[in-house]
Amino acid sequence: MTRVIKISAIFIAILITTCAVQRRPSGGPVDKEPPEIIGVYPAPNSTNIERDVKIVFEFSERLDKKSVTNSIFVSPRQEQELNYDWDGKKLNIEFPDSLQEDRTYVLTIGTDVVDLRRNRLASSFHLAFSTGTKLDQGRISGTVYSENSIEGVLVGMYAFINDEEPRPSQQFPEYTTQCNEKGEYQFSYIATGKYRLFALQDRDYDQKYTRGFDGIGIPTTDVTLTDEIQTVTDIDFQMTVFDTIPAMLRGVNPIDRHHLDVRFDAAVQPICYKPDQNYFTIFTEQEQSDTLPILNFYQNSGEASRFHLITAPQDSALTYLLFAQNIFDLAGNPLDTAYAVEQFTGSPLPDTIQPQLTYQSIDDGERDIPLEPEIELRFSEALAGSTLVNHFSMTDSANTKIKGAIDWLNPADLLFIPQNELISMMPYTIHIPVDSVFDQSGNSLADSSIRFTFITLKKDTLSSLSGKIIDNKEDAGGRYYVQATHTTNKDIVYYTSVDSAGQYLFRGIFPGIYTLYSFHDEDNNGEYSHGDVYPFHPAERFLFYPDSVKIRSRWINEGNSLIYNEY
């Protein structure tokens, strides 16, 4: 008769790092204790197990049965479903076929298991046993990182069979486990061989990857386990969802005879007006050989799905067709050609709408402004740039004008950058006389007044953060980017980059506690590349500094080394 092995409290602590359930009297506080596994057959790490073995688990309390069966993974994977038989708090599991001879098996119960009050299993439980005389000893571990919840994310190991690349959209992994709430995962008792790992946010619970729907984490390298190399650590992932739906042109709105508002259904990649490149073309519907000239256009700084076109005079008696082309969304998908044209009727209205200031990067009365600020101003439409340049002023408390440069991001959005470092704890005033600044049709600013004052911070408030990038990969090309993010105010973020491994430095950092993140930009596109699943392209290497970094005023924080593995 099958006998369930009762596991001692010490053994349970070693295997699943949990504590014994503390029963509460009826009517007491709500049960928040996680469920536990208190008995199992066969005993963990057993060898010479019969090939028709029946697995038995005994739990500390009754569980949501579906959550258990959805969270059980057997490695190597079985082609047919397991048979489950519940007897109260005891679960009996039978394999549909006899197990292979001389093979190590690992049955994992993941962290999606919940009790009747939705308390989750504290960590994955791994039961390893062998039908032969010994257990495989391979181990792989790492961490999954995501901006969203990572609890329950799967990590699968795919074996290379006949040197064919794994395809997680079409095949199941050989080994599967789940992350804990920190994103940590571990595989144990793995056979030697070459593997490719993927992290999977399996939204439809089919254990296969659906592009555009499931979240995916792509590795930076494959893993080969041998008799000499049986442990590999730090196989980490950053999760992403690949956008497969192309952007569509959603509307064209004539504002007046010279202005069109063009909208897409999603943000698109930045493009700038160039007379010799046709991103937008406007034909008359009646005679498609006739075009309406586009004099200029620009992308809205605060809404990347929106463009403003400045045209030659429109004819209100004509219907026009606007065609968009050579435009890509942020995922690199080209515009959907079936939704790349919109019809509109020319506007008879003259441009009489006065432009407005819609955004300023520094608020009136704001304090602790850095001594080397970049002050951004956005307007509701394109300005006659010279009128603003000639009348914009920034002065200190003595009414001394501050020299600086105006950098136009587009015809309606500018940066003012002071020529010299500002004075510590000094009030400064930005002033724009509204009756002297005009749009391209001669309308003056609509604001009653544009004047705001701010005060710079105390000079010794800021500090510096530095460290060294160390790369164990030989001949690693590409820049290294480093990001420091304030832990409580996520709007405070600093960036720097270096051409090669070596010193990095942040100057002028506000006091606080920061996290450090870095990636190695091997394709030199200036952003992190997640790689691709098939055909496979590895993700770029990255790392999170393991400790938070405390920045104090006047104290330079040094020695924060960012150490890259060779993989």
Protein backbone atom coordinates (compact mmCIF):
# COMPACT_ATOMS: atom_id res chain seq x y z
CA MET A 1 0.00 0.00 0.00
CA THR A 2 1.25 3.48 -0.88
CA ARG A 3 2.56 5.29 2.20
CA VAL A 4 2.84 9.09 2.35
CA ILE A 5 6.18 10.17 3.80
CA LYS A 6 5.58 12.62 6.65
CA ILE A 7 8.15 15.42 6.33
CA SER A 8 9.60 16.89 9.47
CA ALA A 9 9.35 20.63 10.12
CA ILE A 10 13.10 20.97 9.61
CA PHE A 11 12.98 19.16 6.28
CA ILE A 12 10.06 21.30 5.11
CA ALA A 13 12.00 24.45 6.06
CA ILE A 14 14.95 23.29 3.98
CA LEU A 15 12.84 22.36 0.95
CA ILE A 16 10.30 25.15 0.74
CA THR A 17 11.44 27.68 3.35
CA THR A 18 8.04 27.99 5.01
CA CYS A 19 6.82 27.64 8.58
CA ALA A 20 4.21 25.37 10.08
CA VAL A 21 0.60 26.58 9.73
CA GLN A 22 -0.70 28.24 12.86
CA ARG A 23 -4.38 27.30 13.21
CA ARG A 24 -6.62 30.10 14.37
CA PRO A 25 -9.71 29.64 16.52
CA SER A 26 -13.08 29.94 14.82
CA GLY A 27 -14.25 33.53 14.60
CA GLY A 28 -10.71 34.92 14.91
CA PRO A 29 -8.74 37.02 12.41
CA VAL A 30 -8.98 36.22 8.70
CA ASP A 31 -6.65 33.38 7.66
CA LYS A 32 -3.67 34.86 5.79
CA GLU A 33 -1.31 31.94 6.26
CA PRO A 34 -0.03 30.36 3.03
CA PRO A 35 -0.83 26.70 2.39
CA GLU A 36 1.94 24.15 2.86
CA ILE A 37 2.94 20.70 1.67
CA ILE A 38 3.19 18.48 4.76
CA GLY A 39 3.63 15.08 3.15
CA VAL A 40 4.87 13.60 -0.11
CA TYR A 41 5.55 10.26 -1.79
CA PRO A 42 8.05 9.27 -3.03
CA ALA A 43 10.51 10.94 -0.69
CA PRO A 44 12.43 13.81 -2.32
CA ASN A 45 15.63 12.77 -4.13
CA SER A 46 14.68 9.09 -4.14
CA THR A 47 16.29 6.75 -6.67
CA ASN A 48 15.28 3.39 -8.19
CA ILE A 49 11.63 4.46 -8.18
CA GLU A 50 9.20 2.12 -9.93
CA ARG A 51 8.19 3.24 -13.43
CA ASP A 52 4.45 3.09 -12.60
CA VAL A 53 4.83 5.20 -9.45
CA LYS A 54 1.86 7.12 -8.08
CA ILE A 55 2.77 10.56 -6.69
CA VAL A 56 1.02 11.64 -3.48
CA PHE A 57 0.94 15.12 -1.94
CA GLU A 58 -0.70 16.01 1.36
CA PHE A 59 -1.45 19.68 2.02
CA SER A 60 -1.98 21.54 5.27
CA GLU A 61 -5.47 22.65 4.23
CA ARG A 62 -8.02 22.32 1.47
CA LEU A 63 -7.02 24.07 -1.76
CA ASP A 64 -8.58 25.45 -4.88
CA LYS A 65 -8.21 22.30 -6.97
CA LYS A 66 -8.02 24.03 -10.34
CA SER A 67 -5.22 26.29 -9.11
CA VAL A 68 -3.25 23.19 -8.15
CA THR A 69 -3.68 21.28 -11.41
CA ASN A 70 -2.86 24.45 -13.41
CA SER A 71 0.36 24.82 -11.42
CA ILE A 72 1.82 21.32 -11.71
CA PHE A 73 4.66 20.83 -14.19
CA VAL A 74 6.53 17.61 -14.87
CA SER A 75 10.01 17.62 -16.36
CA PRO A 76 10.73 16.11 -18.75
CA ARG A 77 7.28 16.98 -20.06
CA GLN A 78 4.67 14.25 -20.51
CA GLU A 79 2.81 14.14 -23.81
CA GLN A 80 -0.47 13.20 -22.17
CA GLU A 81 -2.22 14.83 -19.23
CA LEU A 82 -1.69 13.57 -15.71
CA ASN A 83 -4.53 11.91 -13.83
CA TYR A 84 -5.56 13.65 -10.59
CA ASP A 85 -7.54 12.12 -7.75
CA TRP A 86 -8.39 14.18 -4.64
CA ASP A 87 -9.08 12.73 -1.21
CA GLY A 88 -9.71 15.70 1.05
CA LYS A 89 -6.38 17.45 1.51
CA LYS A 90 -4.50 14.66 -0.25
CA LEU A 91 -3.76 14.64 -4.00
CA ASN A 92 -2.88 11.44 -5.89
CA ILE A 93 -1.19 11.85 -9.27
CA GLU A 94 -0.82 9.07 -11.83
CA PHE A 95 1.19 9.19 -15.04
CA PRO A 96 -0.67 8.11 -18.19
CA ASP A 97 2.24 5.91 -19.30
CA SER A 98 5.14 4.19 -17.62
CA LEU A 99 8.12 6.42 -16.94
CA GLN A 100 11.38 6.01 -18.85
CA GLU A 101 14.15 3.89 -17.50
CA ASP A 102 17.13 5.50 -15.77
CA ARG A 103 15.68 9.01 -15.97
CA THR A 104 15.48 11.88 -13.47
CA TYR A 105 12.03 13.46 -13.10
CA VAL A 106 11.14 16.73 -11.44
CA LEU A 107 7.55 17.52 -10.48
CA THR A 108 7.07 21.20 -9.69
CA ILE A 109 4.13 22.74 -7.88
CA GLY A 110 4.15 26.45 -8.70
CA THR A 111 3.21 29.54 -6.75
CA ASP A 112 -0.21 29.97 -8.41
CA VAL A 113 -1.58 27.39 -5.94
CA VAL A 114 -4.09 29.04 -3.58
CA ASP A 115 -6.19 27.91 -0.66
CA LEU A 116 -9.90 28.62 -0.33
CA ARG A 117 -9.11 32.14 0.95
CA ARG A 118 -6.80 32.81 -2.02
CA ASN A 119 -3.58 32.62 0.01
CA ARG A 120 -0.77 31.55 -2.31
CA LEU A 121 1.87 28.89 -1.84
CA ALA A 122 4.92 30.75 -0.52
CA SER A 123 7.37 29.30 -3.05
CA SER A 124 7.54 26.63 -5.73
CA PHE A 125 8.01 23.06 -4.50
CA HIS A 126 10.25 20.71 -6.50
CA LEU A 127 10.01 16.95 -6.07
CA ALA A 128 12.93 15.17 -7.75
CA PHE A 129 13.27 11.40 -8.09
CA SER A 130 14.92 8.95 -10.47
CA THR A 131 13.95 5.65 -12.04
CA GLY A 132 17.69 4.91 -12.14
CA THR A 133 20.47 4.80 -9.61
CA LYS A 134 21.30 8.51 -9.56
CA LEU A 135 19.83 11.98 -10.02
CA ASP A 136 20.86 14.51 -12.65
CA GLN A 137 22.66 17.40 -10.99
CA GLY A 138 22.30 20.37 -13.37
CA ARG A 139 21.13 23.67 -11.87
CA ILE A 140 20.12 26.94 -13.53
CA SER A 141 18.84 30.03 -11.76
CA GLY A 142 18.13 33.69 -12.37
CA THR A 143 15.63 36.51 -12.01
CA VAL A 144 12.79 37.82 -14.15
CA TYR A 145 12.26 41.60 -14.18
CA SER A 146 9.09 43.37 -15.27
CA GLU A 147 7.27 46.66 -14.75
CA ASN A 148 4.16 44.57 -14.01
CA SER A 149 3.52 41.75 -11.56
CA ILE A 150 5.86 38.81 -12.12
CA GLU A 151 4.39 36.41 -9.60
CA GLY A 152 3.50 33.21 -11.42
CA VAL A 153 5.53 33.96 -14.56
CA LEU A 154 6.73 30.71 -16.10
CA VAL A 155 10.31 29.97 -17.07
CA GLY A 156 10.75 27.19 -19.58
CA MET A 157 13.86 25.29 -20.69
CA TYR A 158 13.83 24.11 -24.30
CA ALA A 159 16.27 21.42 -25.40
CA PHE A 160 18.02 21.61 -28.76
CA ILE A 161 16.89 18.48 -30.63
CA ASN A 162 18.96 17.63 -33.70
CA ASP A 163 20.42 21.15 -33.41
CA GLU A 164 17.03 22.68 -34.34
CA GLU A 165 16.22 26.00 -32.70
CA PRO A 166 13.43 25.82 -30.12
CA ARG A 167 10.12 27.43 -31.06
CA PRO A 168 8.13 28.21 -27.90
CA SER A 169 5.07 29.11 -29.97
CA GLN A 170 4.89 25.52 -31.28
CA GLN A 171 6.45 23.29 -28.64
CA PHE A 172 6.42 22.74 -24.92
CA PRO A 173 9.51 23.17 -22.76
CA GLU A 174 11.38 20.19 -21.39
CA TYR A 175 11.51 21.78 -17.94
CA THR A 176 9.15 24.37 -16.46
CA THR A 177 9.03 26.32 -13.21
CA GLN A 178 7.42 29.49 -11.84
CA CYS A 179 8.92 32.65 -10.39
CA ASN A 180 8.35 33.70 -6.84
CA GLU A 181 7.09 37.17 -5.93
CA LYS A 182 10.61 38.60 -6.35
CA GLY A 183 10.95 37.16 -9.84
CA GLU A 184 13.48 34.55 -8.75
CA TYR A 185 13.44 31.08 -10.27
CA GLN A 186 15.57 27.95 -10.08
CA PHE A 187 15.84 24.68 -11.97
CA SER A 188 17.42 21.68 -10.26
CA TYR A 189 18.20 18.10 -11.25
CA ILE A 190 18.64 18.98 -14.93
CA ALA A 191 20.18 16.56 -17.44
CA THR A 192 23.27 17.59 -19.36
CA GLY A 193 22.65 19.19 -22.74
CA LYS A 194 22.13 22.48 -24.55
CA TYR A 195 19.09 24.57 -23.59
CA ARG A 196 17.42 27.85 -24.44
CA LEU A 197 15.34 29.46 -21.69
CA PHE A 198 12.36 31.79 -22.08
CA ALA A 199 10.26 33.55 -19.44
CA LEU A 200 6.55 33.46 -20.31
CA GLN A 201 3.54 35.38 -19.02
CA ASP A 202 1.17 32.62 -20.12
CA ARG A 203 -2.14 34.46 -20.22
CA ASP A 204 -4.13 31.63 -21.80
CA TYR A 205 -2.50 28.84 -19.71
CA ASP A 206 -1.52 26.75 -22.72
CA GLN A 207 2.25 26.83 -21.97
CA LYS A 208 2.92 28.05 -25.51
CA TYR A 209 3.94 31.53 -26.58
CA THR A 210 1.42 33.68 -28.44
CA ARG A 211 3.14 36.72 -29.94
CA GLY A 212 1.40 40.00 -29.27
CA PHE A 213 -0.64 38.46 -26.42
CA ASP A 214 1.72 36.73 -24.00
CA GLY A 215 4.55 38.52 -22.27
CA ILE A 216 7.98 37.12 -23.10
CA GLY A 217 11.50 37.34 -21.69
CA ILE A 218 14.29 36.47 -24.12
CA PRO A 219 17.69 35.30 -22.87
CA THR A 220 21.03 36.89 -23.61
CA THR A 221 22.62 33.48 -24.22
CA ASP A 222 21.95 29.75 -24.45
CA VAL A 223 23.06 27.41 -21.68
CA THR A 224 25.03 24.20 -22.03
CA LEU A 225 25.28 21.87 -19.04
CA THR A 226 28.07 19.29 -19.01
CA ASP A 227 29.59 16.90 -16.50
CA GLU A 228 32.13 19.66 -15.76
CA ILE A 229 29.68 22.62 -15.80
CA GLN A 230 26.56 21.70 -13.88
CA THR A 231 25.58 25.04 -12.33
CA VAL A 232 24.78 28.25 -14.23
CA THR A 233 23.46 31.35 -12.45
CA ASP A 234 22.16 34.81 -13.40
CA ILE A 235 20.19 33.84 -16.50
CA ASP A 236 18.00 36.92 -16.18
CA PHE A 237 15.14 38.27 -18.27
CA GLN A 238 13.32 41.53 -18.94
CA MET A 239 9.70 40.96 -19.88
CA THR A 240 8.02 42.59 -22.87
CA VAL A 241 4.93 42.17 -25.03
CA PHE A 242 5.66 42.52 -28.73
CA ASP A 243 3.14 44.76 -30.42
CA THR A 244 2.04 43.11 -33.66
CA ILE A 245 -0.86 45.43 -34.54
CA PRO A 246 0.16 48.17 -37.00
CA ALA A 247 -0.87 51.75 -36.45
CA MET A 248 -3.81 53.11 -38.43
CA LEU A 249 -4.68 56.59 -39.66
CA ARG A 250 -7.76 57.55 -37.67
CA GLY A 251 -8.75 61.05 -38.70
CA VAL A 252 -7.96 64.33 -40.41
CA ASN A 253 -9.49 67.49 -38.96
CA PRO A 254 -9.21 70.81 -40.85
CA ILE A 255 -8.68 73.49 -38.21
CA ASP A 256 -8.73 76.32 -40.75
CA ARG A 257 -7.70 76.96 -44.37
CA HIS A 258 -4.03 76.33 -43.58
CA HIS A 259 -4.00 73.81 -40.71
CA LEU A 260 -4.82 70.11 -40.46
CA ASP A 261 -4.85 67.96 -37.34
CA VAL A 262 -3.86 64.36 -38.28
CA ARG A 263 -4.30 61.52 -35.80
CA PHE A 264 -3.23 57.88 -35.67
CA ASP A 265 -4.64 55.27 -33.31
CA ALA A 266 -1.24 54.71 -31.64
CA ALA A 267 2.01 56.55 -31.05
CA VAL A 268 4.36 56.48 -34.03
CA GLN A 269 8.10 56.89 -34.35
CA PRO A 270 9.42 60.46 -34.50
CA ILE A 271 9.65 62.00 -37.96
CA CYS A 272 10.52 65.51 -39.04
CA TYR A 273 9.53 67.57 -42.03
CA LYS A 274 11.83 67.18 -45.02
CA PRO A 275 10.72 68.55 -48.39
CA ASP A 276 12.19 65.59 -50.30
CA GLN A 277 10.51 62.89 -48.20
CA ASN A 278 6.83 62.08 -48.62
CA TYR A 279 5.30 61.11 -45.31
CA PHE A 280 2.03 62.83 -46.15
CA THR A 281 0.51 63.57 -49.57
CA ILE A 282 -2.80 65.34 -50.20
CA PHE A 283 -4.74 64.86 -53.46
CA THR A 284 -8.03 66.31 -54.55
CA GLU A 285 -10.62 63.55 -54.72
CA GLN A 286 -11.90 64.72 -58.08
CA GLU A 287 -8.50 64.97 -59.78
CA GLN A 288 -5.95 62.83 -58.01
CA SER A 289 -3.19 64.29 -60.11
CA ASP A 290 -3.74 67.62 -58.33
CA THR A 291 -2.07 67.96 -54.97
CA LEU A 292 -2.44 70.34 -52.06
CA PRO A 293 1.06 71.47 -51.11
CA ILE A 294 2.19 70.76 -47.53
CA LEU A 295 4.36 73.64 -46.40
CA ASN A 296 5.45 72.10 -43.11
CA PHE A 297 4.36 69.60 -40.47
CA TYR A 298 5.44 68.57 -37.00
CA GLN A 299 4.67 65.88 -34.46
CA ASN A 300 2.92 66.86 -31.25
CA SER A 301 5.50 66.80 -28.42
CA GLY A 302 3.06 65.53 -25.83
CA GLU A 303 1.08 63.14 -28.03
CA ALA A 304 3.15 61.07 -30.46
CA SER A 305 0.06 59.84 -32.33
CA ARG A 306 -0.78 63.36 -33.52
CA PHE A 307 0.64 65.58 -36.28
CA HIS A 308 -0.01 69.18 -37.29
CA LEU A 309 0.17 69.99 -40.99
CA ILE A 310 0.50 73.47 -42.46
CA THR A 311 -0.85 73.57 -46.02
CA ALA A 312 -1.33 75.94 -48.90
CA PRO A 313 -4.85 77.45 -48.88
CA GLN A 314 -7.53 74.76 -48.97
CA ASP A 315 -10.56 75.07 -51.26
CA SER A 316 -13.78 74.60 -49.31
CA ALA A 317 -15.50 73.37 -52.47
CA LEU A 318 -13.14 70.43 -52.80
CA THR A 319 -12.86 67.07 -51.08
CA TYR A 320 -9.31 65.92 -50.37
CA LEU A 321 -7.64 62.58 -49.72
CA LEU A 322 -4.67 62.50 -47.33
CA PHE A 323 -2.29 59.57 -47.79
CA ALA A 324 0.24 58.59 -45.07
CA GLN A 325 3.28 56.46 -45.86
CA ASN A 326 6.75 55.53 -44.56
CA ILE A 327 5.44 55.78 -40.99
CA PHE A 328 6.09 53.14 -38.29
CA ASP A 329 4.70 52.62 -34.81
CA LEU A 330 6.94 52.39 -31.76
CA ALA A 331 7.27 48.61 -32.18
CA GLY A 332 8.55 49.05 -35.74
CA ASN A 333 5.34 47.89 -37.45
CA PRO A 334 4.63 49.74 -40.71
CA LEU A 335 1.40 51.64 -41.09
CA ASP A 336 -1.59 49.45 -42.04
CA THR A 337 -2.00 50.23 -45.75
CA ALA A 338 -5.74 49.50 -45.55
CA TYR A 339 -6.04 52.41 -43.10
CA ALA A 340 -3.54 54.86 -44.53
CA VAL A 341 -5.91 57.29 -46.27
CA GLU A 342 -8.53 59.68 -44.89
CA GLN A 343 -10.96 61.99 -46.63
CA PHE A 344 -11.69 65.57 -45.58
CA THR A 345 -13.31 68.69 -46.99
CA GLY A 346 -11.30 71.86 -47.28
CA SER A 347 -11.97 74.48 -44.63
CA PRO A 348 -13.19 77.95 -45.57
CA LEU A 349 -12.12 79.42 -42.24
CA PRO A 350 -9.25 81.87 -41.91
CA ASP A 351 -6.76 81.29 -39.11
CA THR A 352 -8.05 83.56 -36.34
CA ILE A 353 -7.34 81.31 -33.34
CA GLN A 354 -4.74 82.76 -31.01
CA PRO A 355 -1.96 80.38 -29.92
CA GLN A 356 -1.70 79.42 -26.25
CA LEU A 357 1.02 78.20 -23.93
CA THR A 358 0.03 74.59 -23.21
CA TYR A 359 2.99 73.32 -21.18
CA GLN A 360 5.91 74.69 -19.18
CA SER A 361 8.50 72.46 -17.52
CA ILE A 362 8.85 74.78 -14.49
CA ASP A 363 5.80 75.99 -12.57
CA ASP A 364 5.38 79.47 -11.20
CA GLY A 365 6.82 79.59 -7.67
CA GLU A 366 8.67 76.30 -8.00
CA ARG A 367 11.80 75.95 -5.87
CA ASP A 368 14.98 73.89 -5.93
CA ILE A 369 15.46 74.24 -9.68
CA PRO A 370 18.86 72.90 -10.87
CA LEU A 371 21.55 75.42 -11.71
CA GLU A 372 21.81 74.17 -15.29
CA PRO A 373 18.16 73.84 -16.30
CA GLU A 374 16.62 73.21 -19.70
CA ILE A 375 13.33 75.12 -19.68
CA GLU A 376 10.72 73.74 -22.08
CA LEU A 377 7.73 75.68 -23.40
CA ARG A 378 5.05 74.21 -25.67
CA PHE A 379 2.43 76.15 -27.61
CA SER A 380 -0.83 75.07 -29.19
CA GLU A 381 0.41 75.78 -32.72
CA ALA A 382 3.46 76.78 -34.70
CA LEU A 383 4.83 80.24 -33.95
CA ALA A 384 6.62 82.78 -36.03
CA GLY A 385 9.83 81.81 -34.32
CA SER A 386 11.63 85.10 -34.67
CA THR A 387 8.91 86.95 -32.75
CA LEU A 388 9.43 84.75 -29.71
CA VAL A 389 13.23 84.76 -29.95
CA ASN A 390 13.23 88.58 -30.11
CA HIS A 391 10.96 89.03 -27.10
CA PHE A 392 11.68 86.09 -24.78
CA SER A 393 13.48 87.13 -21.61
CA MET A 394 14.81 85.53 -18.45
CA THR A 395 16.03 87.81 -15.66
CA ASP A 396 17.39 87.46 -12.15
CA SER A 397 16.26 89.37 -9.04
CA ALA A 398 18.31 92.41 -10.13
CA ASN A 399 16.51 92.40 -13.49
CA THR A 400 19.72 91.36 -15.25
CA LYS A 401 18.94 89.50 -18.43
CA ILE A 402 20.25 85.92 -18.61
CA LYS A 403 21.95 84.96 -21.84
CA GLY A 404 21.09 81.64 -23.36
CA ALA A 405 20.08 79.70 -26.46
CA ILE A 406 16.64 78.78 -27.75
CA ASP A 407 16.52 75.30 -29.27
CA TRP A 408 13.36 74.63 -31.31
CA LEU A 409 12.25 71.00 -30.89
CA ASN A 410 9.54 71.70 -33.45
CA PRO A 411 7.76 74.92 -34.62
CA ALA A 412 5.60 74.90 -31.45
CA ASP A 413 8.00 73.55 -28.83
CA LEU A 414 11.25 75.05 -27.57
CA LEU A 415 13.97 74.70 -24.98
CA PHE A 416 15.69 77.67 -23.38
CA ILE A 417 19.16 76.73 -22.12
CA PRO A 418 21.02 79.35 -20.07
CA GLN A 419 24.53 80.06 -21.31
CA ASN A 420 26.09 79.89 -17.84
CA GLU A 421 25.33 78.13 -14.59
CA LEU A 422 22.67 79.97 -12.60
CA ILE A 423 23.27 81.46 -9.16
CA SER A 424 22.40 79.41 -6.12
CA MET A 425 19.10 80.26 -4.33
CA MET A 426 18.37 83.08 -6.79
CA PRO A 427 14.85 84.00 -8.00
CA TYR A 428 14.57 84.05 -11.80
CA THR A 429 11.68 85.24 -13.95
CA ILE A 430 10.62 84.11 -17.42
CA HIS A 431 8.61 86.76 -19.30
CA ILE A 432 7.04 86.68 -22.75
CA PRO A 433 5.04 89.79 -23.85
CA VAL A 434 1.92 88.21 -25.34
CA ASP A 435 1.22 91.10 -27.72
CA SER A 436 4.64 90.74 -29.37
CA VAL A 437 4.66 87.02 -30.16
CA PHE A 438 2.62 85.70 -33.09
CA ASP A 439 1.71 82.52 -34.90
CA GLN A 440 2.43 82.11 -38.59
CA SER A 441 -0.86 83.81 -39.49
CA GLY A 442 -0.14 86.89 -37.39
CA ASN A 443 -2.32 86.05 -34.37
CA SER A 444 -0.81 87.12 -31.07
CA LEU A 445 -0.68 84.89 -27.99
CA ALA A 446 -4.03 84.41 -26.28
CA ASP A 447 -2.64 84.36 -22.74
CA SER A 448 -3.29 87.44 -20.63
CA SER A 449 0.28 87.19 -19.40
CA ILE A 450 3.19 84.76 -19.57
CA ARG A 451 5.35 85.41 -16.56
CA PHE A 452 6.56 82.91 -14.00
CA THR A 453 9.23 82.94 -11.32
CA PHE A 454 11.28 80.13 -9.86
CA ILE A 455 14.10 79.84 -7.33
CA THR A 456 17.23 77.80 -7.84
CA LEU A 457 18.43 75.29 -5.27
CA LYS A 458 21.22 75.70 -2.77
CA LYS A 459 24.41 74.85 -4.62
CA ASP A 460 25.74 72.32 -2.13
CA THR A 461 22.41 70.47 -2.08
CA LEU A 462 23.40 68.28 -4.99
CA SER A 463 25.93 65.52 -5.01
CA SER A 464 27.53 63.05 -7.41
CA LEU A 465 27.32 59.34 -8.02
CA SER A 466 30.06 57.36 -9.69
CA GLY A 467 31.30 53.85 -10.19
CA LYS A 468 32.94 51.52 -12.62
CA ILE A 469 31.51 49.32 -15.34
CA ILE A 470 33.35 45.99 -15.46
CA ASP A 471 32.67 43.63 -18.37
CA ASN A 472 33.87 40.03 -18.30
CA LYS A 473 33.08 39.58 -21.98
CA GLU A 474 36.06 40.04 -24.24
CA ASP A 475 35.84 42.49 -27.18
CA ALA A 476 32.41 43.74 -26.12
CA GLY A 477 31.45 46.57 -28.48
CA GLY A 478 28.75 49.20 -27.97
CA ARG A 479 27.93 51.85 -25.40
CA TYR A 480 26.90 51.21 -21.81
CA TYR A 481 23.88 53.12 -20.54
CA VAL A 482 23.26 53.70 -16.84
CA GLN A 483 20.05 54.95 -15.24
CA ALA A 484 19.59 56.17 -11.66
CA THR A 485 15.96 56.30 -10.45
CA HIS A 486 14.76 57.83 -7.19
CA THR A 487 12.97 55.12 -5.21
CA THR A 488 10.11 57.30 -3.93
CA ASN A 489 9.81 59.96 -6.65
CA LYS A 490 9.91 58.08 -9.95
CA ASP A 491 9.93 61.38 -11.86
CA ILE A 492 13.52 61.95 -10.71
CA VAL A 493 15.61 59.95 -13.15
CA TYR A 494 19.19 60.56 -14.30
CA TYR A 495 20.90 59.08 -17.36
CA THR A 496 24.46 58.74 -18.49
CA SER A 497 26.41 56.57 -20.92
CA VAL A 498 30.00 55.66 -21.69
CA ASP A 499 31.67 54.40 -24.87
CA SER A 500 33.30 51.40 -23.21
CA ALA A 501 33.69 49.67 -19.88
CA GLY A 502 35.24 51.93 -17.26
CA GLN A 503 34.20 54.89 -15.12
CA TYR A 504 30.68 56.35 -15.21
CA LEU A 505 29.59 59.51 -13.43
CA PHE A 506 26.36 61.33 -12.54
CA ARG A 507 26.79 64.96 -11.58
CA GLY A 508 24.25 67.17 -9.84
CA ILE A 509 22.02 64.52 -8.24
CA PHE A 510 19.35 65.36 -5.69
CA PRO A 511 19.71 63.66 -2.29
CA GLY A 512 17.72 60.49 -1.84
CA ILE A 513 17.82 56.75 -2.33
CA TYR A 514 18.28 55.47 -5.88
CA THR A 515 18.23 52.23 -7.83
CA LEU A 516 20.75 51.68 -10.62
CA TYR A 517 20.03 49.96 -13.93
CA SER A 518 22.37 49.48 -16.87
CA PHE A 519 22.33 47.85 -20.30
CA HIS A 520 24.93 47.19 -22.95
CA ASP A 521 23.77 48.69 -26.25
CA GLU A 522 25.33 46.18 -28.60
CA ASP A 523 23.32 47.26 -31.66
CA ASN A 524 24.03 50.96 -30.99
CA ASN A 525 20.43 52.11 -31.40
CA GLY A 526 20.34 54.03 -28.12
CA GLU A 527 17.69 51.86 -26.44
CA TYR A 528 17.39 48.45 -24.83
CA SER A 529 16.71 45.66 -27.33
CA HIS A 530 14.65 42.73 -26.04
CA GLY A 531 15.80 40.41 -28.84
CA ASP A 532 13.44 38.12 -30.72
CA VAL A 533 12.01 34.65 -30.21
CA TYR A 534 12.20 33.12 -33.70
CA PRO A 535 14.35 33.49 -35.68
CA PHE A 536 16.21 33.84 -32.43
CA HIS A 537 18.07 37.00 -31.59
CA PRO A 538 19.43 37.32 -28.04
CA ALA A 539 18.39 40.18 -25.79
CA GLU A 540 21.01 42.75 -24.88
CA ARG A 541 22.78 42.22 -21.59
CA PHE A 542 21.55 44.23 -18.65
CA LEU A 543 21.86 44.37 -14.91
CA PHE A 544 20.24 45.86 -11.85
CA TYR A 545 22.61 46.96 -9.13
CA PRO A 546 21.80 44.67 -6.19
CA ASP A 547 21.69 47.40 -3.53
CA SER A 548 19.97 50.75 -3.34
CA VAL A 549 22.30 53.75 -3.35
CA LYS A 550 21.92 56.58 -0.83
CA ILE A 551 22.89 60.06 -2.00
CA ARG A 552 23.58 62.74 0.60
CA SER A 553 24.25 66.42 0.02
CA ARG A 554 27.94 67.29 -0.38
CA TRP A 555 28.94 63.61 -0.14
CA ILE A 556 30.15 61.99 -3.36
CA ASN A 557 28.94 58.40 -3.56
CA GLU A 558 31.66 56.33 -5.23
CA GLY A 559 32.54 52.72 -5.89
CA ASN A 560 29.23 51.45 -7.26
CA SER A 561 30.63 48.84 -9.64
CA LEU A 562 28.35 47.42 -12.33
CA ILE A 563 29.75 43.99 -13.22
CA TYR A 564 28.61 42.32 -16.44
CA ASN A 565 28.90 38.58 -16.90
CA GLU A 566 30.24 37.33 -20.19
CA TYR A 567 26.71 36.16 -21.05
